[in-house]
């Protein structure tokens, strides 16, 4: 598996290095060769050469700092996705591929618009363990959430039903 970690140096708010370590270990345990590459601001990469694009979490300041570079990569990212490169997005990474994110300050941060989602900042943080049920695969996913954003999904199927925790926005159950 060939993975590129986008903006690894500034989008690592919630221990995304650990996510990459676990992914590598799980691949190697299954005999799947694993190669991790990184891509920072201004670095040239053909993202369709990778099996997975990973973009982790970052604070508003970090997200704002990388927007010009990320916007310049929009066609590269779309090409990679069209050619079946998977994308794993955590926290701010998820928001940045959407339409926009409204920060707690009220500032509207435009995303790439690749995903038909948007995120509005809320007054309450959703913090705690979460359990998601995916009916397509009859699987449960256990994780941890820490966000104040309320993400609305339009025309996309959510990962699953939120059995425990808050989910995308604290109100729709997904």
Protein backbone atom coordinates (compact mmCIF):
# COMPACT_ATOMS: atom_id res chain seq x y z
CA UNK A 1 0.00 0.00 0.00
CA UNK A 2 1.43 3.33 -1.07
CA UNK A 3 0.17 6.20 1.13
CA UNK A 4 0.74 9.95 0.91
CA UNK A 5 0.17 12.00 4.07
CA UNK A 6 -0.80 15.52 3.04
CA UNK A 7 0.50 18.39 5.18
CA UNK A 8 1.93 16.01 7.78
CA UNK A 9 3.89 18.85 9.33
CA UNK A 10 0.87 21.06 10.13
CA UNK A 11 -2.19 18.76 10.05
CA UNK A 12 -1.39 16.40 12.94
CA UNK A 13 -3.55 17.82 15.72
CA UNK A 14 -4.97 14.57 17.09
CA UNK A 15 -2.03 12.22 16.84
CA UNK A 16 -2.41 11.33 13.19
CA UNK A 17 1.13 9.96 13.25
CA UNK A 18 -0.35 7.21 15.40
CA UNK A 19 -3.01 6.55 12.74
CA UNK A 20 -0.25 6.05 10.18
CA UNK A 21 1.71 3.78 12.55
CA UNK A 22 -1.36 1.58 13.11
CA UNK A 23 -2.14 1.43 9.37
CA UNK A 24 1.45 0.41 8.62
CA UNK A 25 1.43 -2.27 11.33
CA UNK A 26 -1.88 -3.72 10.18
CA UNK A 27 -0.68 -3.86 6.59
CA UNK A 28 2.63 -5.50 7.48
CA UNK A 29 0.86 -8.01 9.78
CA UNK A 30 -1.13 -9.09 6.72
CA UNK A 31 1.86 -9.27 4.40
CA UNK A 32 0.92 -6.07 2.55
CA UNK A 33 3.97 -3.95 1.70
CA UNK A 34 3.59 -0.42 3.06
CA UNK A 35 5.19 2.79 1.85
CA UNK A 36 4.50 6.17 3.48
CA UNK A 37 5.32 9.39 1.68
CA UNK A 38 4.54 12.95 2.74
CA UNK A 39 3.50 16.05 0.83
CA UNK A 40 3.85 19.53 2.27
CA UNK A 41 3.07 23.01 1.01
CA UNK A 42 4.65 23.60 -2.39
CA UNK A 43 5.77 20.01 -2.97
CA UNK A 44 4.94 18.56 -6.38
CA UNK A 45 3.27 15.14 -6.31
CA UNK A 46 1.05 13.21 -8.70
CA UNK A 47 -1.48 12.03 -6.13
CA UNK A 48 -2.90 9.40 -8.47
CA UNK A 49 0.32 7.42 -7.96
CA UNK A 50 -0.85 6.53 -4.44
CA UNK A 51 -3.36 3.99 -3.15
CA UNK A 52 -4.41 6.30 -0.30
CA UNK A 53 -4.34 10.04 0.34
CA UNK A 54 -4.45 10.86 4.06
CA UNK A 55 -5.27 14.31 5.43
CA UNK A 56 -5.49 14.65 9.19
CA UNK A 57 -6.69 17.23 11.66
CA UNK A 58 -5.53 20.74 12.33
CA UNK A 59 -6.61 23.88 14.11
CA UNK A 60 -8.27 26.72 12.19
CA UNK A 61 -4.99 28.64 11.88
CA UNK A 62 -3.27 25.66 10.25
CA UNK A 63 -6.20 24.97 7.95
CA UNK A 64 -6.25 28.58 6.78
CA UNK A 65 -2.49 28.52 6.14
CA UNK A 66 -2.68 25.60 3.73
CA UNK A 67 -5.85 26.58 1.81
CA UNK A 68 -4.04 28.27 -1.13
CA UNK A 69 -1.82 25.22 -1.63
CA UNK A 70 -4.71 22.79 -1.23
CA UNK A 71 -6.87 24.74 -3.71
CA UNK A 72 -4.02 24.55 -6.24
CA UNK A 73 -4.20 20.73 -5.91
CA UNK A 74 -7.95 20.39 -6.50
CA UNK A 75 -7.66 18.89 -10.00
CA UNK A 76 -4.81 16.62 -8.87
CA UNK A 77 -6.95 15.30 -6.00
CA UNK A 78 -10.03 14.86 -8.23
CA UNK A 79 -7.91 13.00 -10.81
CA UNK A 80 -6.56 10.69 -8.11
CA UNK A 81 -10.05 9.98 -6.79
CA UNK A 82 -11.36 9.36 -10.33
CA UNK A 83 -8.52 6.88 -10.83
CA UNK A 84 -9.60 5.02 -7.66
CA UNK A 85 -7.17 6.45 -5.10
CA UNK A 86 -8.88 6.21 -1.74
CA UNK A 87 -9.02 9.22 0.56
CA UNK A 88 -8.96 9.04 4.37
CA UNK A 89 -9.93 12.32 6.02
CA UNK A 90 -9.83 13.15 9.72
CA UNK A 91 -11.18 16.31 11.38
CA UNK A 92 -10.08 19.36 9.39
CA UNK A 93 -9.14 17.17 6.43
CA UNK A 94 -12.77 16.16 6.11
CA UNK A 95 -13.92 19.76 6.30
CA UNK A 96 -11.40 20.99 3.73
CA UNK A 97 -12.66 18.69 0.98
CA UNK A 98 -16.20 19.94 1.60
CA UNK A 99 -17.88 23.15 0.49
CA UNK A 100 -16.85 25.29 3.47
CA UNK A 101 -16.21 25.43 7.18
CA UNK A 102 -17.36 28.29 9.39
CA UNK A 103 -14.86 28.83 12.22
CA UNK A 104 -15.88 29.88 15.75
CA UNK A 105 -14.77 33.43 14.84
CA UNK A 106 -17.40 33.45 12.08
CA UNK A 107 -14.77 33.32 9.34
CA UNK A 108 -15.87 31.20 6.38
CA UNK A 109 -13.09 28.92 5.15
CA UNK A 110 -13.78 27.71 1.62
CA UNK A 111 -12.97 24.09 0.93
CA UNK A 112 -12.32 22.27 -2.33
CA UNK A 113 -16.01 21.52 -2.90
CA UNK A 114 -15.23 17.92 -3.87
CA UNK A 115 -17.59 16.56 -1.20
CA UNK A 116 -21.11 17.90 -0.87
CA UNK A 117 -20.79 18.67 2.83
CA UNK A 118 -20.35 21.79 4.92
CA UNK A 119 -19.43 22.37 8.54
CA UNK A 120 -20.66 25.10 10.87
CA UNK A 121 -18.95 25.77 14.18
CA UNK A 122 -21.07 25.17 17.28
CA UNK A 123 -21.03 26.38 20.87
CA UNK A 124 -20.70 22.94 22.46
CA UNK A 125 -17.81 20.51 22.00
CA UNK A 126 -18.70 16.88 21.35
CA UNK A 127 -16.11 14.89 23.23
CA UNK A 128 -16.05 11.19 24.04
CA UNK A 129 -16.07 7.65 22.81
CA UNK A 130 -18.21 6.81 19.83
CA UNK A 131 -19.64 3.66 18.30
CA UNK A 132 -20.84 3.61 14.70
CA UNK A 133 -22.83 0.79 13.06
CA UNK A 134 -22.37 0.26 9.32
CA UNK A 135 -25.33 -1.76 8.04
CA UNK A 136 -23.76 -2.45 4.61
CA UNK A 137 -20.96 -4.47 6.19
CA UNK A 138 -22.73 -5.37 9.45
CA UNK A 139 -19.78 -3.88 11.34
CA UNK A 140 -19.28 -1.67 14.37
CA UNK A 141 -16.53 0.97 14.53
CA UNK A 142 -15.28 2.28 17.85
CA UNK A 143 -13.46 5.59 18.14
CA UNK A 144 -13.13 8.90 19.89
CA UNK A 145 -14.56 12.24 18.84
CA UNK A 146 -13.60 15.76 19.85
CA UNK A 147 -15.21 18.49 17.74
CA UNK A 148 -17.47 21.50 17.91
CA UNK A 149 -18.28 21.47 14.20
CA UNK A 150 -21.66 20.39 12.92
CA UNK A 151 -21.22 18.73 9.54
CA UNK A 152 -24.20 18.43 7.22
CA UNK A 153 -23.99 15.81 4.50
CA UNK A 154 -25.90 16.28 1.24
CA UNK A 155 -26.36 13.38 -1.15
CA UNK A 156 -23.61 11.22 0.38
CA UNK A 157 -24.15 8.11 2.42
CA UNK A 158 -22.76 8.43 5.97
CA UNK A 159 -20.36 5.78 7.28
CA UNK A 160 -23.04 4.53 9.61
CA UNK A 161 -25.53 5.10 12.41
CA UNK A 162 -24.13 6.63 15.59
CA UNK A 163 -25.01 4.13 18.33
CA UNK A 164 -23.06 5.98 21.02
CA UNK A 165 -21.65 9.49 20.85
CA UNK A 166 -22.61 12.55 18.85
CA UNK A 167 -21.70 11.85 15.23
CA UNK A 168 -21.41 14.38 12.43
CA UNK A 169 -23.55 17.11 13.96
CA UNK A 170 -25.05 15.91 17.24
CA UNK A 171 -28.58 15.76 15.86
CA UNK A 172 -29.06 13.50 12.82
CA UNK A 173 -27.71 10.29 14.40
CA UNK A 174 -25.03 9.66 11.78
